[in-house]
Amino acid sequence: MDLQASTAISASGLRAQNARMKVIAENIANADSTINAAGTGPYQRKMIAFRAAVDKASGAASVKVDRVGGDKVTPYRMAFEPGHPLADAQGLVKYPNVDIAIESADMREATRAYEANLMAIDTARQMMSRSLDLLR
C-alpha cells in the first residue's frame, strides 16, 4: 500500500469520527429535552454505525457512515415531578435515554480516534517529504 492510500484511509477515519462527534454533541445538547422535534415524546438518543468500504481503483479500505438511528434498547429516564406539565397520572415525567457520562466517554474516544488519524496523515506526509528529499 502506498502512502497516498494510507492518507486516504486516515482521511475517511477523520470524516467518520467527525460525524460521530456531531451525533454525540446532539445527544448531549438534548439530554434534558422532554419534547422531540415531532412533539411526540422525549428526545431519543442517536447512535451511529459505520461500515467498511473498499476503493476498487486503489484497493484501499475506508470507513463510511452506514446509518444514524435511534437507541431503541436503552429505556427512557423517569423522574417523579408531579408539578411538571408533562407528568403522567402517577406524576412521572419521561426524559431522554441519554446518559451524559456515557456520551462524555464516547466523545473522548472519538476525539482520540480523530487525533490518531491526524497523526497517521502527518506521519505519511512526513514520509513522503523525506522520500522526495532522498530522490533529489
Protein backbone atom coordinates (compact mmCIF):
# COMPACT_ATOMS: atom_id res chain seq x y z
CA MET A 1 0.00 0.00 0.00
CA ASP A 2 1.39 3.40 -0.87
CA LEU A 3 1.42 6.48 1.31
CA GLN A 4 -1.38 8.21 -0.60
CA ALA A 5 -3.68 5.25 0.06
CA SER A 6 -2.85 5.31 3.76
CA THR A 7 -3.62 9.04 3.81
CA ALA A 8 -6.98 8.37 2.13
CA ILE A 9 -7.78 5.70 4.72
CA SER A 10 -6.96 8.06 7.58
CA ALA A 11 -8.99 10.85 5.95
CA SER A 12 -12.02 8.55 5.83
CA GLY A 13 -11.46 7.87 9.53
CA LEU A 14 -11.41 11.61 10.19
CA ARG A 15 -14.75 12.06 8.42
CA ALA A 16 -16.29 9.14 10.32
CA GLN A 17 -15.13 10.37 13.72
CA ASN A 18 -16.29 13.90 12.89
CA ALA A 19 -19.77 12.53 12.16
CA ARG A 20 -19.63 10.54 15.40
CA MET A 21 -18.72 13.64 17.41
CA LYS A 22 -21.64 15.55 15.85
CA VAL A 23 -24.09 12.82 16.88
CA ILE A 24 -22.67 12.75 20.42
CA ALA A 25 -22.90 16.55 20.67
CA GLU A 26 -26.55 16.38 19.57
CA ASN A 27 -27.24 13.75 22.24
CA ILE A 28 -25.63 15.89 24.95
CA ALA A 29 -27.48 19.01 23.80
CA ASN A 30 -30.82 17.18 24.03
CA ALA A 31 -30.17 15.29 27.27
CA ASP A 32 -32.99 17.12 29.04
CA SER A 33 -35.40 17.62 26.12
CA THR A 34 -38.77 16.29 27.19
CA ILE A 35 -40.29 17.05 23.77
CA ASN A 36 -38.74 15.92 20.48
CA ALA A 37 -38.97 17.81 17.19
CA ALA A 38 -42.16 15.95 16.24
CA GLY A 39 -43.75 16.70 19.62
CA THR A 40 -44.46 13.03 20.25
CA GLY A 41 -42.29 12.43 23.31
CA PRO A 42 -38.80 12.93 24.68
CA TYR A 43 -35.67 13.05 22.53
CA GLN A 44 -34.34 9.59 21.68
CA ARG A 45 -30.59 9.05 21.88
CA LYS A 46 -28.98 8.64 18.46
CA MET A 47 -26.30 6.10 17.65
CA ILE A 48 -24.04 5.93 14.61
CA ALA A 49 -22.97 2.81 12.75
CA PHE A 50 -20.01 2.54 10.40
CA ARG A 51 -19.23 0.19 7.54
CA ALA A 52 -16.04 -0.69 5.72
CA ALA A 53 -15.76 0.17 2.06
CA VAL A 54 -13.07 -0.74 -0.47
CA ASP A 55 -11.95 1.58 -3.25
CA LYS A 56 -11.83 -0.59 -6.36
CA ALA A 57 -9.24 1.61 -8.07
CA SER A 58 -6.65 1.61 -5.29
CA GLY A 59 -7.79 -1.40 -3.27
CA ALA A 60 -7.62 0.73 -0.12
CA ALA A 61 -10.18 0.18 2.59
CA SER A 62 -12.04 3.07 4.15
CA VAL A 63 -14.72 3.66 6.72
CA LYS A 64 -18.07 5.26 5.95
CA VAL A 65 -21.11 6.16 8.00
CA ASP A 66 -23.64 3.41 7.44
CA ARG A 67 -26.55 4.89 9.34
CA VAL A 68 -27.60 7.08 12.24
CA GLY A 69 -30.51 5.68 14.17
CA GLY A 70 -32.30 5.91 17.48
CA ASP A 71 -31.30 3.86 20.52
CA LYS A 72 -34.34 1.65 21.00
CA VAL A 73 -32.72 -0.55 23.67
CA THR A 74 -31.91 1.92 26.45
CA PRO A 75 -35.05 2.83 28.40
CA TYR A 76 -36.12 6.42 28.94
CA ARG A 77 -35.36 8.01 32.32
CA MET A 78 -38.39 8.52 34.51
CA ALA A 79 -38.46 11.25 37.16
CA PHE A 80 -41.12 11.91 39.78
CA GLU A 81 -42.17 15.53 39.16
CA PRO A 82 -45.90 15.82 39.83
CA GLY A 83 -45.94 19.58 39.12
CA HIS A 84 -44.39 19.23 35.65
CA PRO A 85 -46.78 19.94 32.75
CA LEU A 86 -45.79 16.67 31.05
CA ALA A 87 -46.20 14.47 34.13
CA ASP A 88 -48.45 11.43 33.74
CA ALA A 89 -51.16 10.35 36.18
CA GLN A 90 -48.53 8.97 38.60
CA GLY A 91 -46.53 12.23 38.48
CA LEU A 92 -43.73 10.72 36.35
CA VAL A 93 -42.03 12.64 33.55
CA LYS A 94 -40.29 10.75 30.76
CA TYR A 95 -36.79 12.09 29.95
CA PRO A 96 -34.43 11.14 27.11
CA ASN A 97 -32.42 7.93 27.30
CA VAL A 98 -29.18 9.94 27.19
CA ASP A 99 -26.55 9.29 29.86
CA ILE A 100 -24.10 12.21 29.96
CA ALA A 101 -21.33 10.01 31.42
CA ILE A 102 -21.57 7.56 28.51
CA GLU A 103 -21.74 10.38 25.96
CA SER A 104 -18.68 12.04 27.53
CA ALA A 105 -16.72 8.78 27.39
CA ASP A 106 -17.79 8.27 23.75
CA MET A 107 -16.71 11.83 22.93
CA ARG A 108 -13.26 11.25 24.46
CA GLU A 109 -12.91 8.03 22.47
CA ALA A 110 -13.98 9.72 19.22
CA THR A 111 -11.58 12.61 19.88
CA ARG A 112 -8.69 10.22 20.46
CA ALA A 113 -9.51 8.30 17.27
CA TYR A 114 -9.68 11.59 15.37
CA GLU A 115 -6.28 12.61 16.74
CA ALA A 116 -4.80 9.21 15.84
CA ASN A 117 -5.97 9.62 12.24
CA LEU A 118 -4.46 13.12 12.14
CA MET A 119 -1.15 11.72 13.39
CA ALA A 120 -1.23 8.98 10.73
CA ILE A 121 -1.79 11.58 8.00
CA ASP A 122 1.02 13.73 9.36
CA THR A 123 3.38 10.74 9.51
CA ALA A 124 2.55 9.76 5.93
CA ARG A 125 3.12 13.35 4.81
CA GLN A 126 6.50 13.42 6.55
CA MET A 127 7.47 10.10 4.95
CA MET A 128 6.52 11.41 1.50
CA SER A 129 8.55 14.55 2.11
CA ARG A 130 11.60 12.56 3.23
CA SER A 131 11.30 10.29 0.20
CA LEU A 132 11.28 13.30 -2.10
CA ASP A 133 14.29 14.76 -0.28
CA LEU A 134 16.20 11.49 -0.80
CA LEU A 135 15.39 11.48 -4.52
CA ARG A 136 16.93 14.93 -5.04
